[in-house]
């Protein structure tokens, strides 16, 4: 390597070191933990290895090699910045998902999760029930979690073998349900075990999230078009 090439190589190394020190100073939380420091060292070793592989190209064409080095430095900047802002990016992603898919909800802190009402004015909640993801219509007037026949079958219940011994008075008249018990119901950070439920005898458009679940929460409230469930 000629003297000019060596100068460029040393200058590039110093520029990279300066960039790393700047990023550490700008985002100290990114390397606060021991695991974070190990990841940074790994990235630097990887980058140094890539730099060594570029030496033959540098001898053949310094400007082209510097262009490749600039690309890798830009990639490093993006990776370090994204990693340091990972919590903010995750929160932004959750809020975006909450707007596009309101039934998924948005974490509201302290074990709470909030949901936006749909255009019909009702609140729909996606819950994981014994390993299956089901969509519920929130109904504070329902004494139980009420499963549609289709959702009951997804959970392994056979409606034709159940005893419909529970009677309900609904806005559409009297109805019957078969008592069952759910192993676990999870909605965001909220998880309840042994939730009483019933399988509706008649067909339903949506299963209902009733008071056998809501009544066991730390609290729930509706403010405007937002429902908040608290663990």
Protein backbone atom coordinates (compact mmCIF):
# COMPACT_ATOMS: atom_id res chain seq x y z
CA UNK A 1 0.00 0.00 0.00
CA UNK A 2 1.37 3.41 -0.91
CA UNK A 3 1.75 6.25 1.57
CA UNK A 4 -1.39 8.04 0.32
CA UNK A 5 -3.46 4.90 0.73
CA UNK A 6 -2.14 4.41 4.26
CA UNK A 7 -3.12 7.98 5.14
CA UNK A 8 -6.65 7.38 3.87
CA UNK A 9 -6.91 4.12 5.80
CA UNK A 10 -5.72 5.66 9.08
CA UNK A 11 -7.99 8.65 8.52
CA UNK A 12 -10.95 6.38 7.94
CA UNK A 13 -10.19 4.41 11.11
CA UNK A 14 -9.94 7.62 13.15
CA UNK A 15 -13.20 8.87 11.63
CA UNK A 16 -14.92 5.61 12.55
CA UNK A 17 -13.58 5.74 16.10
CA UNK A 18 -14.76 9.35 16.41
CA UNK A 19 -18.18 8.36 15.11
CA UNK A 20 -18.50 5.55 17.65
CA UNK A 21 -17.48 7.87 20.51
CA UNK A 22 -20.00 10.47 19.32
CA UNK A 23 -22.82 7.91 19.20
CA UNK A 24 -21.94 6.61 22.69
CA UNK A 25 -21.96 10.18 24.02
CA UNK A 26 -25.21 10.96 22.20
CA UNK A 27 -26.98 7.74 23.20
CA UNK A 28 -25.37 6.53 26.47
CA UNK A 29 -28.39 4.39 27.30
CA UNK A 30 -27.61 2.23 24.27
CA UNK A 31 -24.52 0.80 26.04
CA UNK A 32 -25.64 1.14 29.66
CA UNK A 33 -25.98 -2.60 30.20
CA UNK A 34 -23.21 -5.17 29.95
CA UNK A 35 -25.09 -6.98 27.19
CA UNK A 36 -25.34 -3.76 25.20
CA UNK A 37 -21.58 -3.20 25.45
CA UNK A 38 -20.91 -6.74 24.25
CA UNK A 39 -23.16 -6.16 21.25
CA UNK A 40 -21.33 -2.92 20.43
CA UNK A 41 -17.95 -4.69 20.62
CA UNK A 42 -19.33 -7.42 18.36
CA UNK A 43 -20.44 -4.83 15.81
CA UNK A 44 -17.05 -3.11 15.91
CA UNK A 45 -15.20 -6.40 15.43
CA UNK A 46 -17.50 -7.25 12.54
CA UNK A 47 -16.88 -3.85 11.00
CA UNK A 48 -13.11 -4.23 11.44
CA UNK A 49 -13.27 -7.63 9.75
CA UNK A 50 -15.15 -6.12 6.85
CA UNK A 51 -12.57 -3.33 6.65
CA UNK A 52 -9.73 -5.88 6.41
CA UNK A 53 -11.52 -7.65 3.56
CA UNK A 54 -11.62 -4.31 1.74
CA UNK A 55 -7.83 -3.85 1.82
CA UNK A 56 -7.20 -5.54 -1.56
CA UNK A 57 -9.89 -3.34 -3.11
CA UNK A 58 -8.34 -0.32 -1.42
CA UNK A 59 -5.02 -1.02 -3.08
CA UNK A 60 -6.72 -1.41 -6.46
CA UNK A 61 -8.99 1.59 -6.14
CA UNK A 62 -8.96 3.76 -3.00
CA UNK A 63 -11.99 5.85 -3.92
CA UNK A 64 -14.17 2.81 -4.58
CA UNK A 65 -13.05 1.21 -1.32
CA UNK A 66 -13.82 4.42 0.57
CA UNK A 67 -17.27 4.49 -0.97
CA UNK A 68 -17.91 0.95 0.27
CA UNK A 69 -16.58 1.91 3.70
CA UNK A 70 -18.94 4.88 3.75
CA UNK A 71 -21.86 2.57 3.06
CA UNK A 72 -20.92 0.30 5.97
CA UNK A 73 -20.46 3.29 8.28
CA UNK A 74 -23.93 4.52 7.31
CA UNK A 75 -25.32 1.05 8.10
CA UNK A 76 -23.62 1.16 11.50
CA UNK A 77 -25.11 4.58 12.24
CA UNK A 78 -28.59 3.32 11.37
CA UNK A 79 -28.19 0.16 13.50
CA UNK A 80 -26.87 2.01 16.57
CA UNK A 81 -29.53 4.73 16.30
CA UNK A 82 -32.36 2.22 15.85
CA UNK A 83 -31.09 0.15 18.77
CA UNK A 84 -30.87 3.17 21.07
CA UNK A 85 -34.40 4.21 20.14
CA UNK A 86 -35.83 0.70 20.28
CA UNK A 87 -38.28 1.44 23.12
CA UNK A 88 -39.62 4.54 21.36
CA UNK A 89 -39.93 2.68 18.06
CA UNK A 90 -41.72 -0.21 19.79
CA UNK A 91 -44.20 2.17 21.44
CA UNK A 92 -44.77 3.92 18.12
CA UNK A 93 -45.41 0.59 16.44
CA UNK A 94 -47.91 -0.42 19.13
CA UNK A 95 -49.79 2.87 18.77
CA UNK A 96 -49.88 2.54 15.00
CA UNK A 97 -51.19 -1.01 15.31
CA UNK A 98 -53.80 0.24 17.81
CA UNK A 99 -55.06 2.75 15.25
CA UNK A 100 -55.13 0.33 12.33
CA UNK A 101 -56.33 -2.67 14.39
CA UNK A 102 -58.24 -1.23 17.37
CA UNK A 103 -59.09 -4.68 18.71
CA UNK A 104 -55.37 -5.24 19.45
CA UNK A 105 -55.28 -2.39 21.97
CA UNK A 106 -52.44 -0.16 23.13
CA UNK A 107 -50.49 -0.57 26.39
CA UNK A 108 -51.43 2.26 28.74
CA UNK A 109 -48.85 1.62 31.48
CA UNK A 110 -49.18 0.03 34.95
CA UNK A 111 -50.69 -3.15 33.53
CA UNK A 112 -53.43 -1.36 31.61
CA UNK A 113 -54.48 -1.61 27.97
CA UNK A 114 -56.80 0.69 26.04
CA UNK A 115 -59.02 0.18 23.00
CA UNK A 116 -60.62 2.59 20.56
CA UNK A 117 -64.29 2.17 19.66
CA UNK A 118 -65.10 1.08 16.13
CA UNK A 119 -67.32 3.04 13.77
CA UNK A 120 -70.41 1.25 15.16
CA UNK A 121 -69.62 2.68 18.63
CA UNK A 122 -68.83 -0.73 20.17
CA UNK A 123 -65.56 -1.94 21.66
CA UNK A 124 -64.00 -5.09 20.27
CA UNK A 125 -61.14 -6.85 22.03
CA UNK A 126 -58.82 -9.53 20.74
CA UNK A 127 -57.92 -12.00 23.47
CA UNK A 128 -55.85 -15.14 23.66
CA UNK A 129 -57.97 -17.89 25.14
CA UNK A 130 -56.21 -21.18 25.88
CA UNK A 131 -53.81 -20.58 23.01
CA UNK A 132 -56.45 -19.39 20.49
CA UNK A 133 -56.90 -15.74 19.47
CA UNK A 134 -60.60 -14.79 19.58
CA UNK A 135 -62.43 -11.54 18.91
CA UNK A 136 -64.88 -10.41 21.61
CA UNK A 137 -67.51 -7.71 21.74
CA UNK A 138 -67.30 -6.02 25.16
CA UNK A 139 -70.68 -6.28 26.88
CA UNK A 140 -70.96 -5.11 30.49
CA UNK A 141 -74.57 -6.29 30.50
CA UNK A 142 -73.52 -9.93 30.04
CA UNK A 143 -72.95 -11.75 33.33
CA UNK A 144 -70.54 -14.23 31.72
CA UNK A 145 -68.04 -14.47 28.94
CA UNK A 146 -70.31 -15.88 26.23
CA UNK A 147 -68.80 -17.93 23.42
CA UNK A 148 -70.31 -18.36 20.01
CA UNK A 149 -70.63 -21.96 18.86
CA UNK A 150 -67.86 -21.40 16.31
CA UNK A 151 -65.42 -20.01 18.90
CA UNK A 152 -66.35 -22.79 21.33
CA UNK A 153 -65.41 -25.37 18.70
CA UNK A 154 -62.05 -23.61 18.15
CA UNK A 155 -61.39 -24.05 21.87
CA UNK A 156 -62.18 -27.76 21.70
CA UNK A 157 -65.75 -27.75 23.01
CA UNK A 158 -68.41 -29.76 21.19
CA UNK A 159 -71.68 -27.75 21.44
CA UNK A 160 -73.72 -30.85 20.58
CA UNK A 161 -72.43 -32.57 23.74
CA UNK A 162 -72.90 -29.65 26.13
CA UNK A 163 -75.79 -29.18 28.55
CA UNK A 164 -77.54 -25.82 27.98
CA UNK A 165 -78.75 -25.37 31.54
CA UNK A 166 -78.11 -21.66 32.05
CA UNK A 167 -80.88 -19.21 31.15
CA UNK A 168 -80.37 -15.59 30.13
CA UNK A 169 -82.61 -12.64 29.52
CA UNK A 170 -81.27 -10.61 26.60
CA UNK A 171 -82.49 -7.72 24.50
CA UNK A 172 -83.57 -10.32 21.92
CA UNK A 173 -85.47 -12.40 24.45
CA UNK A 174 -84.63 -15.44 26.56
CA UNK A 175 -81.64 -17.58 25.68
CA UNK A 176 -79.76 -20.59 26.96
CA UNK A 177 -76.07 -21.26 27.50
CA UNK A 178 -73.90 -24.20 28.45
CA UNK A 179 -71.55 -23.49 31.41
CA UNK A 180 -67.83 -24.06 30.68
CA UNK A 181 -64.58 -22.87 32.22
CA UNK A 182 -61.68 -21.32 30.34
CA UNK A 183 -58.15 -22.18 31.40
CA UNK A 184 -56.67 -18.73 30.76
CA UNK A 185 -57.75 -15.49 29.08
CA UNK A 186 -55.03 -12.97 28.19
CA UNK A 187 -55.53 -9.43 26.87
CA UNK A 188 -52.27 -7.54 26.52
CA UNK A 189 -50.59 -7.49 29.97
CA UNK A 190 -53.76 -8.82 31.64
CA UNK A 191 -54.04 -12.54 32.22
CA UNK A 192 -56.75 -14.32 34.23
CA UNK A 193 -56.99 -18.04 34.92
CA UNK A 194 -60.12 -20.11 35.43
CA UNK A 195 -62.62 -17.74 33.82
CA UNK A 196 -66.26 -18.82 33.96
CA UNK A 197 -67.98 -18.76 30.57
CA UNK A 198 -70.88 -20.25 28.67
CA UNK A 199 -71.45 -21.40 25.12
CA UNK A 200 -74.50 -19.79 23.56
CA UNK A 201 -77.08 -22.18 22.19
CA UNK A 202 -78.08 -19.90 19.32
CA UNK A 203 -75.72 -18.60 16.67
CA UNK A 204 -73.88 -15.36 17.47
CA UNK A 205 -71.93 -12.94 15.31
CA UNK A 206 -69.33 -12.31 18.04
CA UNK A 207 -68.47 -13.83 21.37
CA UNK A 208 -69.10 -11.50 24.33
CA UNK A 209 -66.60 -10.35 26.93
CA UNK A 210 -68.83 -10.16 29.99
CA UNK A 211 -68.59 -9.59 33.72
CA UNK A 212 -67.06 -12.97 34.63
CA UNK A 213 -63.90 -11.45 33.14
CA UNK A 214 -64.44 -7.71 33.55
CA UNK A 215 -65.53 -8.07 37.18
CA UNK A 216 -62.21 -9.66 38.11
CA UNK A 217 -60.12 -6.80 36.79
CA UNK A 218 -58.58 -4.09 38.92
CA UNK A 219 -60.92 -1.75 37.04
CA UNK A 220 -62.22 -0.67 33.65
CA UNK A 221 -63.51 2.62 32.35
CA UNK A 222 -64.85 4.28 29.24
CA UNK A 223 -63.77 7.84 28.45
CA UNK A 224 -65.14 9.14 25.18
CA UNK A 225 -64.30 6.57 22.52
CA UNK A 226 -61.64 4.81 24.59
CA UNK A 227 -62.04 1.74 26.80
CA UNK A 228 -59.29 1.07 29.34
CA UNK A 229 -58.88 -2.27 31.12
CA UNK A 230 -56.69 -2.38 34.24
CA UNK A 231 -55.02 -5.44 35.65
